[in-house]
N, C-alpha and C. Protein backbone atom coordinates (compact mmCIF):
# COMPACT_ATOMS: atom_id res chain seq x y z
N MET A 1 -63.01 59.57 31.08
CA MET A 1 -62.09 58.52 30.88
C MET A 1 -61.45 58.19 32.26
N ILE A 2 -61.04 57.07 32.55
CA ILE A 2 -60.94 56.38 33.91
C ILE A 2 -59.34 56.86 33.86
N PRO A 3 -58.90 57.45 35.17
CA PRO A 3 -57.65 57.31 35.80
C PRO A 3 -56.66 56.49 35.54
N ALA A 4 -55.51 56.16 35.34
CA ALA A 4 -54.73 54.97 35.31
C ALA A 4 -54.51 54.12 36.50
N ARG A 5 -54.64 55.20 37.87
CA ARG A 5 -54.62 54.37 38.73
C ARG A 5 -55.90 53.38 39.02
N LEU A 6 -56.89 54.35 38.87
CA LEU A 6 -58.01 53.59 38.91
C LEU A 6 -58.36 51.95 38.25
N ARG A 7 -57.80 52.33 36.94
CA ARG A 7 -57.83 50.90 35.98
C ARG A 7 -56.96 50.04 36.54
N THR A 8 -55.68 50.52 37.09
CA THR A 8 -54.85 49.42 37.49
C THR A 8 -55.58 48.84 38.92
N ALA A 9 -56.22 49.59 39.83
CA ALA A 9 -56.77 49.12 40.64
C ALA A 9 -58.02 47.81 40.25
N GLY A 10 -58.65 48.14 39.33
CA GLY A 10 -59.55 47.26 38.54
C GLY A 10 -58.70 45.96 38.30
N LEU A 11 -57.56 46.11 37.45
CA LEU A 11 -56.90 44.91 37.28
C LEU A 11 -56.31 44.03 38.31
N TRP A 12 -55.73 44.79 39.70
CA TRP A 12 -55.39 44.25 40.49
C TRP A 12 -56.72 43.45 41.35
N LEU A 13 -58.11 44.01 41.21
CA LEU A 13 -59.33 43.42 41.69
C LEU A 13 -59.20 41.87 41.03
N ASP A 14 -59.01 42.02 39.73
CA ASP A 14 -59.39 40.87 38.85
C ASP A 14 -58.14 39.90 38.84
N VAL A 15 -56.89 40.23 39.56
CA VAL A 15 -56.00 39.37 39.78
C VAL A 15 -56.55 38.25 41.19
N ALA A 16 -56.93 39.41 42.14
CA ALA A 16 -57.25 38.84 43.50
C ALA A 16 -58.51 37.84 43.46
N VAL A 17 -59.45 38.17 42.65
CA VAL A 17 -60.48 37.26 42.50
C VAL A 17 -60.12 35.77 42.06
N TYR A 18 -59.37 35.79 40.88
CA TYR A 18 -59.08 34.72 40.31
C TYR A 18 -58.02 33.97 41.30
N LEU A 19 -57.44 34.72 42.05
CA LEU A 19 -56.33 33.86 42.87
C LEU A 19 -57.17 33.24 44.42
N VAL A 20 -58.03 34.32 44.79
CA VAL A 20 -58.99 33.73 46.10
C VAL A 20 -59.90 32.83 46.08
N LEU A 21 -60.85 33.18 44.91
CA LEU A 21 -62.09 32.23 44.48
C LEU A 21 -61.51 30.90 44.08
N PRO A 22 -60.24 30.35 43.53
CA PRO A 22 -60.01 29.32 43.76
C PRO A 22 -59.45 28.54 44.78
N LEU A 23 -58.65 29.26 45.67
CA LEU A 23 -58.33 29.01 47.03
C LEU A 23 -59.34 28.43 47.96
N VAL A 24 -60.22 29.46 48.06
CA VAL A 24 -61.69 28.90 48.89
C VAL A 24 -62.04 27.74 48.33
N GLY A 25 -62.50 27.65 46.98
CA GLY A 25 -63.09 26.46 46.54
C GLY A 25 -62.10 25.51 46.92
N LEU A 26 -61.06 25.11 46.87
CA LEU A 26 -60.07 24.06 47.01
C LEU A 26 -60.36 23.80 48.59
N PHE A 27 -60.08 24.86 49.70
CA PHE A 27 -59.68 24.60 50.93
C PHE A 27 -61.22 24.64 51.79
N ALA A 28 -62.47 25.42 50.94
CA ALA A 28 -63.56 25.31 52.08
C ALA A 28 -64.63 24.73 51.09
N TRP A 29 -64.35 24.56 49.80
CA TRP A 29 -65.84 23.76 49.06
C TRP A 29 -65.36 22.37 48.70
N GLY A 30 -64.05 22.08 48.76
CA GLY A 30 -64.26 20.61 48.36
C GLY A 30 -63.78 20.47 46.74
N TRP A 31 -63.15 21.75 46.11
CA TRP A 31 -63.42 21.64 44.82
C TRP A 31 -61.82 20.80 44.22
N ASP A 32 -61.75 20.48 43.17
CA ASP A 32 -60.79 19.92 42.74
C ASP A 32 -60.09 20.64 41.54
N TRP A 33 -59.47 20.33 40.88
CA TRP A 33 -58.77 20.95 39.59
C TRP A 33 -59.86 21.39 38.50
N ARG A 34 -60.92 20.59 38.26
CA ARG A 34 -61.91 20.89 37.15
C ARG A 34 -62.84 22.17 37.39
N PRO A 35 -63.19 22.56 38.44
CA PRO A 35 -63.74 24.40 38.17
C PRO A 35 -62.54 25.38 38.11
N ILE A 36 -61.66 25.11 38.47
CA ILE A 36 -60.26 25.90 38.40
C ILE A 36 -59.87 26.11 36.91
N VAL A 37 -59.84 24.80 36.16
CA VAL A 37 -59.56 25.26 34.78
C VAL A 37 -60.92 25.67 34.02
N LEU A 38 -62.07 25.46 34.63
CA LEU A 38 -63.16 26.05 33.92
C LEU A 38 -63.24 27.66 34.09
N LEU A 39 -63.13 27.87 35.46
CA LEU A 39 -62.78 29.28 35.52
C LEU A 39 -61.74 30.12 34.83
N TYR A 40 -60.70 29.68 34.63
CA TYR A 40 -59.45 30.11 33.80
C TYR A 40 -60.00 30.31 32.27
N TRP A 41 -60.71 29.16 32.09
CA TRP A 41 -61.00 29.30 30.33
C TRP A 41 -61.98 30.42 30.44
N LEU A 42 -62.73 30.70 31.13
CA LEU A 42 -63.76 31.62 31.11
C LEU A 42 -63.09 32.92 30.76
N GLU A 43 -61.88 33.16 31.72
CA GLU A 43 -61.25 34.33 31.77
C GLU A 43 -60.69 34.71 30.45
N ASN A 44 -60.77 33.66 29.80
CA ASN A 44 -60.12 34.01 28.24
C ASN A 44 -61.27 34.63 27.52
N ILE A 45 -62.61 34.56 27.73
CA ILE A 45 -63.57 35.45 26.92
C ILE A 45 -63.29 36.65 27.60
N THR A 46 -63.11 36.84 29.08
CA THR A 46 -63.21 38.28 29.58
C THR A 46 -62.00 38.79 28.80
N ILE A 47 -60.78 38.41 28.63
CA ILE A 47 -59.73 38.99 27.92
C ILE A 47 -59.84 39.30 26.41
N GLY A 48 -60.48 38.33 25.99
CA GLY A 48 -60.90 38.63 24.42
C GLY A 48 -61.71 39.76 24.36
N GLY A 49 -62.81 39.94 25.02
CA GLY A 49 -63.51 40.88 25.21
C GLY A 49 -62.94 42.54 25.33
N VAL A 50 -62.18 42.45 26.46
CA VAL A 50 -61.36 43.73 26.24
C VAL A 50 -60.54 44.11 25.21
N VAL A 51 -59.90 43.06 24.53
CA VAL A 51 -59.24 43.41 23.41
C VAL A 51 -59.98 43.74 21.92
N PHE A 52 -60.96 43.15 22.08
CA PHE A 52 -62.05 43.61 21.15
C PHE A 52 -62.61 45.07 21.28
N ILE A 53 -63.20 45.35 22.63
CA ILE A 53 -63.46 46.88 22.51
C ILE A 53 -62.29 47.78 22.33
N SER A 54 -61.38 47.56 22.74
CA SER A 54 -60.10 48.33 22.43
C SER A 54 -59.86 48.18 20.91
N LEU A 55 -60.02 47.34 20.33
CA LEU A 55 -60.00 47.42 18.72
C LEU A 55 -60.70 48.37 18.24
N VAL A 56 -62.29 48.23 18.63
CA VAL A 56 -63.18 49.06 18.07
C VAL A 56 -63.05 50.35 18.36
N ARG A 57 -62.50 50.49 19.78
CA ARG A 57 -62.67 52.12 20.08
C ARG A 57 -61.23 53.02 19.33
N ARG A 58 -60.03 51.78 18.85
CA ARG A 58 -58.79 52.64 18.25
C ARG A 58 -59.41 53.13 16.81
N ALA A 59 -60.18 52.08 16.20
CA ALA A 59 -60.43 52.10 15.09
C ALA A 59 -61.61 53.47 14.81
N ARG A 60 -62.43 53.49 15.77
CA ARG A 60 -63.41 54.71 15.76
C ARG A 60 -62.61 55.83 16.05
N GLY A 61 -61.40 55.80 16.65
CA GLY A 61 -60.60 57.02 17.05
C GLY A 61 -59.42 57.55 15.80
N GLY A 62 -59.70 56.64 14.85
CA GLY A 62 -58.88 56.85 13.39
C GLY A 62 -57.62 56.45 13.31
N GLU A 63 -57.30 55.07 14.08
CA GLU A 63 -56.01 54.77 14.22
C GLU A 63 -56.08 53.66 13.24
N GLY A 64 -57.13 53.03 12.74
CA GLY A 64 -57.07 52.09 11.63
C GLY A 64 -56.96 50.60 12.11
N VAL A 65 -56.20 49.88 11.28
CA VAL A 65 -56.26 48.51 11.55
C VAL A 65 -54.91 48.26 12.35
N GLN A 66 -55.06 47.53 13.78
CA GLN A 66 -53.94 47.62 14.56
C GLN A 66 -52.98 45.99 14.19
N ALA A 67 -52.06 46.64 13.71
CA ALA A 67 -51.05 45.57 13.24
C ALA A 67 -51.79 44.01 12.37
N GLY A 68 -52.70 44.78 11.58
CA GLY A 68 -53.17 43.54 10.88
C GLY A 68 -54.60 42.88 11.33
N PHE A 69 -55.04 43.33 12.52
CA PHE A 69 -56.01 42.73 12.97
C PHE A 69 -57.21 43.90 13.54
N PRO A 70 -58.27 43.55 12.34
CA PRO A 70 -59.40 44.42 12.53
C PRO A 70 -60.10 43.83 13.31
N ALA A 71 -61.09 44.71 14.37
CA ALA A 71 -61.89 44.12 15.44
C ALA A 71 -62.55 42.73 14.88
N ALA A 72 -63.17 42.71 13.50
CA ALA A 72 -64.23 41.79 13.29
C ALA A 72 -63.49 40.60 12.92
N PHE A 73 -62.32 40.49 12.25
CA PHE A 73 -61.27 39.48 12.19
C PHE A 73 -60.82 38.91 13.54
N PHE A 74 -60.48 39.86 14.29
CA PHE A 74 -60.06 39.38 16.00
C PHE A 74 -61.49 38.54 16.35
N LEU A 75 -62.65 38.93 16.56
CA LEU A 75 -63.86 38.40 16.88
C LEU A 75 -63.74 37.08 16.38
N MET A 76 -63.69 36.81 15.17
CA MET A 76 -64.31 35.84 14.57
C MET A 76 -62.82 34.64 14.97
N HIS A 77 -61.78 35.05 14.77
CA HIS A 77 -60.58 34.05 14.87
C HIS A 77 -60.45 33.70 16.14
N TYR A 78 -60.21 34.77 17.15
CA TYR A 78 -60.21 34.57 18.69
C TYR A 78 -61.53 33.74 19.37
N GLY A 79 -62.45 34.14 18.74
CA GLY A 79 -63.94 33.32 19.05
C GLY A 79 -63.70 31.75 18.60
N ILE A 80 -63.32 31.37 17.28
CA ILE A 80 -63.30 30.12 17.00
C ILE A 80 -62.18 29.39 17.86
N PHE A 81 -61.06 30.26 18.26
CA PHE A 81 -59.83 29.54 18.89
C PHE A 81 -60.39 29.30 20.26
N THR A 82 -60.92 30.05 20.85
CA THR A 82 -61.47 29.82 22.21
C THR A 82 -62.46 28.74 22.41
N PHE A 83 -63.45 28.98 21.48
CA PHE A 83 -64.53 27.88 21.39
C PHE A 83 -63.91 26.53 21.30
N VAL A 84 -62.82 26.32 20.49
CA VAL A 84 -62.37 24.78 20.06
C VAL A 84 -61.69 24.35 21.57
N HIS A 85 -61.13 25.79 22.43
CA HIS A 85 -60.27 25.24 23.44
C HIS A 85 -61.43 24.75 24.48
N GLY A 86 -62.43 25.77 24.33
CA GLY A 86 -63.33 25.46 25.52
C GLY A 86 -64.11 24.13 25.30
N VAL A 87 -64.32 23.50 24.15
CA VAL A 87 -64.75 22.08 23.90
C VAL A 87 -63.65 21.21 24.48
N PHE A 88 -62.53 21.35 24.40
CA PHE A 88 -61.70 20.49 24.85
C PHE A 88 -61.46 20.51 26.43
N VAL A 89 -61.68 21.82 26.98
CA VAL A 89 -61.74 21.76 28.72
C VAL A 89 -62.83 20.84 28.96
N ILE A 90 -63.92 21.24 28.59
CA ILE A 90 -65.31 20.42 29.02
C ILE A 90 -64.98 18.82 28.50
N VAL A 91 -64.66 18.69 27.48
CA VAL A 91 -64.50 17.14 27.13
C VAL A 91 -63.07 16.65 28.22
N MET A 92 -62.10 17.46 28.59
CA MET A 92 -61.42 16.92 29.77
C MET A 92 -61.79 16.94 30.91
N ILE A 93 -62.76 18.00 31.55
CA ILE A 93 -63.20 17.78 32.60
C ILE A 93 -64.25 16.36 33.16
N ASN A 94 -64.89 16.15 31.96
CA ASN A 94 -65.77 14.93 32.09
C ASN A 94 -64.94 13.65 31.55
N LEU A 95 -64.01 13.52 30.98
CA LEU A 95 -63.52 12.49 30.52
C LEU A 95 -62.17 12.12 31.41
N VAL A 96 -61.57 13.07 31.57
CA VAL A 96 -60.04 12.55 32.47
C VAL A 96 -60.53 11.60 33.74
N PRO A 97 -61.52 11.93 34.60
CA PRO A 97 -61.90 11.30 35.81
C PRO A 97 -62.11 9.75 35.47
N VAL A 98 -62.92 9.70 34.09
CA VAL A 98 -63.31 8.40 33.75
C VAL A 98 -61.88 7.28 33.23
N MET A 99 -61.21 8.16 32.35
CA MET A 99 -59.92 7.29 31.93
C MET A 99 -59.03 7.16 32.98
N THR A 100 -58.69 7.93 34.00
CA THR A 100 -57.87 7.74 35.01
C THR A 100 -58.64 6.94 36.28
N ASP A 101 -59.79 6.67 36.58
CA ASP A 101 -60.40 5.96 37.32
C ASP A 101 -60.39 6.97 38.60
N THR A 102 -60.56 8.08 38.44
CA THR A 102 -60.38 9.02 39.77
C THR A 102 -61.74 9.53 39.72
N PRO A 103 -61.96 9.55 41.28
CA PRO A 103 -63.85 9.78 41.72
C PRO A 103 -63.54 11.31 41.52
N ALA A 104 -64.69 12.14 40.95
CA ALA A 104 -64.77 13.48 40.98
C ALA A 104 -65.88 13.79 41.52
N ALA A 105 -65.86 14.74 42.66
CA ALA A 105 -67.11 15.01 43.55
C ALA A 105 -67.62 15.99 42.43
N PRO A 106 -69.11 16.06 42.67
CA PRO A 106 -69.97 17.23 41.93
C PRO A 106 -69.40 18.57 42.44
N PHE A 107 -69.64 19.52 41.89
CA PHE A 107 -69.17 20.81 42.05
C PHE A 107 -70.36 21.73 41.63
N ASN A 108 -70.86 22.72 42.40
CA ASN A 108 -71.77 24.05 41.99
C ASN A 108 -71.29 25.04 41.51
N PRO A 109 -71.54 25.30 40.00
CA PRO A 109 -70.88 26.12 39.28
C PRO A 109 -71.22 27.69 39.61
N TRP A 110 -72.39 27.85 40.39
CA TRP A 110 -73.05 29.22 40.38
C TRP A 110 -72.07 30.14 40.94
N TRP A 111 -71.29 29.91 41.95
CA TRP A 111 -70.47 31.08 42.54
C TRP A 111 -69.44 31.30 41.59
N LEU A 112 -68.98 30.27 40.89
CA LEU A 112 -67.88 30.56 39.61
C LEU A 112 -68.31 31.52 39.08
N LEU A 113 -69.50 30.83 38.34
CA LEU A 113 -70.26 31.94 37.08
C LEU A 113 -70.48 33.30 37.75
N LEU A 114 -71.06 33.37 38.89
CA LEU A 114 -71.21 34.72 39.32
C LEU A 114 -70.04 35.58 39.54
N ALA A 115 -69.16 34.86 40.03
CA ALA A 115 -67.56 35.62 40.04
C ALA A 115 -67.03 36.13 38.89
N TRP A 116 -67.14 35.09 37.83
CA TRP A 116 -66.68 35.35 36.69
C TRP A 116 -67.38 36.57 35.85
N LEU A 117 -68.36 36.43 36.16
CA LEU A 117 -69.65 37.45 35.32
C LEU A 117 -69.02 39.10 36.25
N ILE A 118 -69.29 38.98 37.17
CA ILE A 118 -68.76 40.38 37.79
C ILE A 118 -67.49 40.97 37.58
N THR A 119 -66.53 40.04 37.56
CA THR A 119 -65.34 40.48 36.90
C THR A 119 -65.10 41.08 35.47
N THR A 120 -65.83 40.21 34.71
CA THR A 120 -65.71 40.59 33.30
C THR A 120 -66.51 41.84 33.10
N LEU A 121 -67.46 41.91 33.93
CA LEU A 121 -68.49 43.00 33.54
C LEU A 121 -67.37 44.46 34.08
N ILE A 122 -66.74 44.33 35.09
CA ILE A 122 -65.68 45.50 35.61
C ILE A 122 -64.79 45.54 34.27
N GLN A 123 -64.19 44.64 34.07
CA GLN A 123 -63.08 44.85 33.15
C GLN A 123 -63.63 45.31 31.78
N TRP A 124 -64.65 44.79 31.43
CA TRP A 124 -65.26 45.38 30.04
C TRP A 124 -65.54 46.79 29.98
N TRP A 125 -66.04 47.22 31.73
CA TRP A 125 -66.51 48.75 31.47
C TRP A 125 -65.16 49.62 31.62
N LEU A 126 -64.15 48.92 32.34
CA LEU A 126 -62.85 49.69 32.16
C LEU A 126 -62.31 50.02 30.88
N ALA A 127 -62.50 48.94 30.20
CA ALA A 127 -61.84 48.81 28.59
C ALA A 127 -62.89 49.86 27.78
N LEU A 128 -63.94 50.09 28.37
CA LEU A 128 -64.86 51.08 27.53
C LEU A 128 -64.42 52.64 27.89
N ARG A 129 -64.26 52.69 29.45
CA ARG A 129 -64.03 54.08 29.77
C ARG A 129 -62.57 54.39 29.55
N ALA A 130 -61.59 53.53 29.65
CA ALA A 130 -60.25 53.69 29.82
C ALA A 130 -59.72 54.21 28.19
N ASN A 131 -58.25 54.67 28.07
CA ASN A 131 -57.77 54.86 26.99
C ASN A 131 -57.42 53.10 26.61
N PRO A 132 -57.43 52.98 25.10
CA PRO A 132 -57.17 51.81 24.48
C PRO A 132 -55.86 51.02 24.94
N PRO A 133 -55.76 49.97 25.24
CA PRO A 133 -54.18 49.48 25.37
C PRO A 133 -53.49 49.39 23.98
N ARG A 134 -52.18 48.97 24.24
CA ARG A 134 -51.33 49.06 22.81
C ARG A 134 -51.39 47.88 22.45
N ILE A 135 -50.49 47.33 21.62
CA ILE A 135 -50.82 46.06 20.33
C ILE A 135 -50.38 45.16 21.40
N ASP A 136 -49.80 45.08 22.44
CA ASP A 136 -49.53 43.59 23.23
C ASP A 136 -50.80 43.13 23.93
N GLY A 137 -51.96 43.82 23.50
CA GLY A 137 -53.21 43.16 24.03
C GLY A 137 -53.72 42.25 23.27
N ILE A 138 -53.24 42.31 22.12
CA ILE A 138 -53.53 40.81 21.17
C ILE A 138 -52.64 39.81 21.73
N ALA A 139 -51.39 40.08 21.99
CA ALA A 139 -50.48 38.95 22.17
C ALA A 139 -51.03 38.41 23.59
N LYS A 140 -51.30 39.14 24.50
CA LYS A 140 -51.74 38.84 25.93
C LYS A 140 -52.96 37.95 25.54
N ALA A 141 -53.99 38.41 24.64
CA ALA A 141 -55.19 37.59 24.57
C ALA A 141 -54.78 35.94 24.02
N TYR A 142 -54.15 36.03 23.05
CA TYR A 142 -53.78 34.69 22.44
C TYR A 142 -52.65 33.95 23.49
N GLY A 143 -51.84 34.74 24.07
CA GLY A 143 -50.68 34.14 25.01
C GLY A 143 -51.45 33.43 26.14
N ARG A 144 -52.80 34.03 26.56
CA ARG A 144 -53.33 33.24 27.75
C ARG A 144 -53.89 31.85 27.02
N VAL A 145 -54.53 31.97 26.02
CA VAL A 145 -55.17 30.84 25.71
C VAL A 145 -54.05 29.67 25.54
N ILE A 146 -53.00 30.05 24.79
CA ILE A 146 -51.78 29.23 24.83
C ILE A 146 -51.24 28.77 25.99
N VAL A 147 -50.96 29.50 26.93
CA VAL A 147 -50.60 29.11 28.37
C VAL A 147 -51.66 27.87 29.08
N LEU A 148 -52.87 28.33 28.81
CA LEU A 148 -54.17 27.59 29.39
C LEU A 148 -53.77 25.93 29.08
N HIS A 149 -53.70 26.25 27.61
CA HIS A 149 -53.48 24.50 26.78
C HIS A 149 -52.68 24.10 27.30
N LEU A 150 -51.29 24.49 27.16
CA LEU A 150 -50.00 23.87 27.09
C LEU A 150 -49.60 23.52 28.51
N VAL A 151 -49.53 24.52 29.40
CA VAL A 151 -49.24 24.43 30.86
C VAL A 151 -50.19 24.14 31.79
N ILE A 152 -51.26 24.78 31.92
CA ILE A 152 -52.23 24.58 33.01
C ILE A 152 -52.72 22.92 32.64
N LEU A 153 -53.51 23.10 31.64
CA LEU A 153 -54.02 21.43 31.17
C LEU A 153 -52.99 20.47 31.28
N GLY A 154 -51.86 20.62 31.06
CA GLY A 154 -50.62 19.91 31.13
C GLY A 154 -50.32 19.14 32.22
N ALA A 155 -50.63 20.19 33.34
CA ALA A 155 -50.38 20.06 34.79
C ALA A 155 -51.51 19.39 35.11
N VAL A 156 -52.58 19.61 34.70
CA VAL A 156 -54.07 18.83 35.30
C VAL A 156 -53.73 17.32 34.84
N TRP A 157 -53.46 17.27 33.75
CA TRP A 157 -53.47 16.01 33.45
C TRP A 157 -52.61 14.88 34.17
N LEU A 158 -51.14 15.72 34.60
CA LEU A 158 -50.32 14.77 35.36
C LEU A 158 -51.06 14.67 36.92
N ILE A 159 -51.72 15.70 37.13
CA ILE A 159 -52.30 15.31 38.68
C ILE A 159 -53.47 14.30 38.56
N ALA A 160 -54.13 14.01 37.59
CA ALA A 160 -55.22 13.18 37.40
C ALA A 160 -54.31 11.91 37.20
N ALA A 161 -53.58 11.73 36.29
CA ALA A 161 -52.62 10.42 35.44
C ALA A 161 -52.05 9.94 36.79
N PHE A 162 -51.46 10.80 37.82
CA PHE A 162 -50.41 10.08 38.75
C PHE A 162 -51.59 9.86 40.17
N GLY A 163 -52.95 10.15 40.12
CA GLY A 163 -53.81 10.18 41.38
C GLY A 163 -53.27 11.18 42.47
N LEU A 164 -52.77 12.13 42.04
CA LEU A 164 -52.16 13.23 43.12
C LEU A 164 -53.40 14.09 43.92
N PRO A 165 -53.34 14.33 44.88
CA PRO A 165 -54.38 14.58 45.64
C PRO A 165 -55.21 15.90 45.21
N SER A 166 -56.24 16.49 45.34
CA SER A 166 -56.92 17.82 44.69
C SER A 166 -56.04 18.97 45.21
N ILE A 167 -55.60 18.99 46.41
CA ILE A 167 -54.83 20.01 46.81
C ILE A 167 -53.83 20.40 46.09
N VAL A 168 -53.04 19.57 45.37
CA VAL A 168 -51.87 19.93 44.48
C VAL A 168 -52.46 20.89 43.26
N ALA A 169 -53.84 20.82 43.39
CA ALA A 169 -54.23 22.08 42.21
C ALA A 169 -53.95 23.42 42.74
N VAL A 170 -53.57 23.44 44.12
CA VAL A 170 -52.92 24.63 44.42
C VAL A 170 -51.97 25.28 43.51
N ALA A 171 -51.00 24.37 43.00
CA ALA A 171 -50.19 24.87 42.36
C ALA A 171 -50.65 25.44 40.82
N LEU A 172 -51.68 24.98 40.79
CA LEU A 172 -52.04 25.80 39.22
C LEU A 172 -52.75 27.03 39.58
N VAL A 173 -53.37 27.48 40.73
CA VAL A 173 -53.74 28.88 41.21
C VAL A 173 -52.72 29.67 41.11
N VAL A 174 -51.17 29.24 41.73
CA VAL A 174 -50.14 29.76 42.14
C VAL A 174 -49.28 30.23 40.55
N LEU A 175 -49.54 29.17 39.93
CA LEU A 175 -48.92 29.33 38.58
C LEU A 175 -49.70 30.52 37.73
N HIS A 176 -50.83 30.47 37.96
CA HIS A 176 -51.85 31.40 37.14
C HIS A 176 -51.66 32.74 37.73
N ALA A 177 -51.66 32.76 39.11
CA ALA A 177 -51.15 34.29 39.64
C ALA A 177 -49.89 34.79 39.43
N VAL A 178 -49.14 33.98 39.26
CA VAL A 178 -47.54 34.40 38.76
C VAL A 178 -47.59 35.30 37.42
N ILE A 179 -48.32 34.18 36.70
CA ILE A 179 -48.59 34.94 35.30
C ILE A 179 -49.14 36.26 35.20
N ASP A 180 -50.31 36.62 35.90
CA ASP A 180 -51.19 37.30 35.93
C ASP A 180 -50.00 38.60 36.72
N VAL A 181 -49.46 38.23 37.49
CA VAL A 181 -48.72 39.34 38.29
C VAL A 181 -47.80 39.94 37.50
N ILE A 182 -47.06 39.29 36.91
CA ILE A 182 -46.14 39.70 35.87
C ILE A 182 -46.35 40.58 34.55
N GLY A 183 -47.89 40.29 34.33
CA GLY A 183 -48.29 40.80 33.02
C GLY A 183 -48.84 42.20 33.44
N LEU A 184 -49.50 42.02 34.65
CA LEU A 184 -49.82 43.50 35.46
C LEU A 184 -48.70 44.38 36.01
N VAL A 185 -47.38 44.19 36.07
CA VAL A 185 -46.35 44.53 36.34
C VAL A 185 -45.95 45.46 35.02
N VAL A 186 -46.09 44.71 33.89
CA VAL A 186 -45.51 45.37 32.87
C VAL A 186 -46.42 46.17 32.41
N THR A 187 -47.83 46.03 32.29
CA THR A 187 -48.93 47.19 32.30
C THR A 187 -48.71 48.29 33.25
N SER A 188 -48.59 48.15 34.65
CA SER A 188 -48.39 49.19 35.25
C SER A 188 -46.87 50.29 34.96
N ARG A 189 -46.17 49.39 34.24
CA ARG A 189 -44.95 50.19 34.09
C ARG A 189 -45.09 51.00 32.81
N MET A 190 -45.87 50.32 31.99
CA MET A 190 -46.03 51.39 30.69
C MET A 190 -47.17 52.48 31.02
N ALA A 191 -48.16 51.98 31.74
CA ALA A 191 -48.94 53.51 32.48
C ALA A 191 -48.26 54.22 32.94
N SER A 192 -47.40 54.20 33.64
CA SER A 192 -46.39 54.95 34.07
C SER A 192 -45.58 55.99 32.99
N GLY A 193 -45.60 55.88 31.94
CA GLY A 193 -45.00 56.57 31.17
C GLY A 193 -43.59 56.46 31.04
N ARG A 194 -42.76 55.59 31.78
CA ARG A 194 -41.30 55.26 32.12
C ARG A 194 -41.09 54.20 30.94
N TYR A 195 -42.12 53.47 30.58
CA TYR A 195 -41.51 52.22 29.51
C TYR A 195 -42.76 52.25 28.39
N ARG A 196 -42.17 51.66 27.32
CA ARG A 196 -43.04 51.47 26.00
C ARG A 196 -42.47 50.38 25.36
N TRP A 197 -43.38 49.85 24.49
CA TRP A 197 -43.18 48.61 23.58
C TRP A 197 -42.51 49.37 22.27
N GLU A 198 -41.37 48.89 21.94
CA GLU A 198 -40.44 48.99 20.70
C GLU A 198 -40.46 47.90 19.82
N GLN A 199 -40.32 47.98 18.60
CA GLN A 199 -40.42 46.92 17.62
C GLN A 199 -38.74 46.78 17.41
N THR A 200 -38.43 45.54 17.42
CA THR A 200 -37.06 45.26 17.37
C THR A 200 -36.60 44.34 16.15
N GLY A 201 -37.80 44.14 15.52
CA GLY A 201 -37.56 43.17 14.13
C GLY A 201 -38.94 42.89 13.84
N ALA A 202 -39.02 42.08 12.80
CA ALA A 202 -40.30 41.56 12.14
C ALA A 202 -40.94 40.66 13.35
N GLY A 203 -42.40 41.16 13.71
CA GLY A 203 -43.03 40.41 14.58
C GLY A 203 -42.57 40.42 15.87
N GLN A 204 -41.50 41.32 16.06
CA GLN A 204 -40.62 41.20 17.62
C GLN A 204 -40.96 42.49 18.17
N TRP A 205 -41.01 42.36 19.36
CA TRP A 205 -41.19 43.64 20.19
C TRP A 205 -40.48 43.33 21.88
N ALA A 206 -40.13 44.64 22.15
CA ALA A 206 -39.17 44.65 23.51
C ALA A 206 -39.91 45.65 24.37
N LEU A 207 -39.85 45.56 25.68
CA LEU A 207 -40.11 46.71 26.49
C LEU A 207 -38.86 47.48 27.09
N ARG A 208 -38.95 48.57 26.63
CA ARG A 208 -37.81 49.58 26.68
C ARG A 208 -38.14 50.58 27.70
N ARG A 209 -36.96 50.93 28.61
CA ARG A 209 -37.31 52.27 29.59
C ARG A 209 -37.17 53.60 28.82
N ILE A 210 -38.09 54.64 28.64
CA ILE A 210 -37.96 55.80 28.09
C ILE A 210 -37.05 56.69 28.68
N PRO A 211 -36.00 57.21 28.06
CA PRO A 211 -34.95 58.13 28.74
C PRO A 211 -35.35 59.23 29.32
N GLU A 212 -34.77 59.73 30.61
CA GLU A 212 -35.62 60.71 31.28
C GLU A 212 -35.01 61.90 30.76
N THR A 213 -35.97 63.05 30.45
CA THR A 213 -35.57 64.24 29.85
C THR A 213 -34.66 65.11 31.02
N PRO A 214 -33.49 65.76 30.85
CA PRO A 214 -32.82 66.40 31.90
C PRO A 214 -33.70 67.74 32.00
N GLU A 215 -33.70 68.17 33.39
CA GLU A 215 -34.29 69.62 33.68
C GLU A 215 -33.37 70.70 33.19
N PRO A 216 -34.25 71.69 32.57
CA PRO A 216 -33.26 72.93 32.08
C PRO A 216 -32.48 73.59 33.14
């Protein structure tokens, strides 16, 4: 098993890559919003793989179905969900510049794909070697797709529709980083053993601090 500190370090590395690579692309390689959105969609595949690995490990450990989500069902449902959003992303990347009459410079996707592949393999290896995450991992997977679809793509549409300069795409990178850091802080608190998820109602969960046991 991997120590919690090493796993947290791996998660911070993931956050750094998805922050630094888009910024380098924007300032040094002449990127606009298109490769950034593509990279963030690919990240959904990474997160889905982590959750799938965790579900399989929990099932093999005798924990059974996690809140009605067996691994096979999650793989099928999340896979279709992500595929549909991927089609939407590809169509948007190719169609928005035409609809808004905005010139779109070609970009080389190889560095983007290489960085994504490396971070994905690291996260999947950590998921294979570390203790499986709690039930909030499923919520994180679906939540990321929803955030991408409603917030980031909506912001992209505004950038293209109003003819804003490509550098405005920095806002997308910052927004993504803020979401990642918030999620990582919650994960780190749970890993410390001082916080845990408690069910507060039907389908509702809250992060609660575990009371400290007084020393005898």
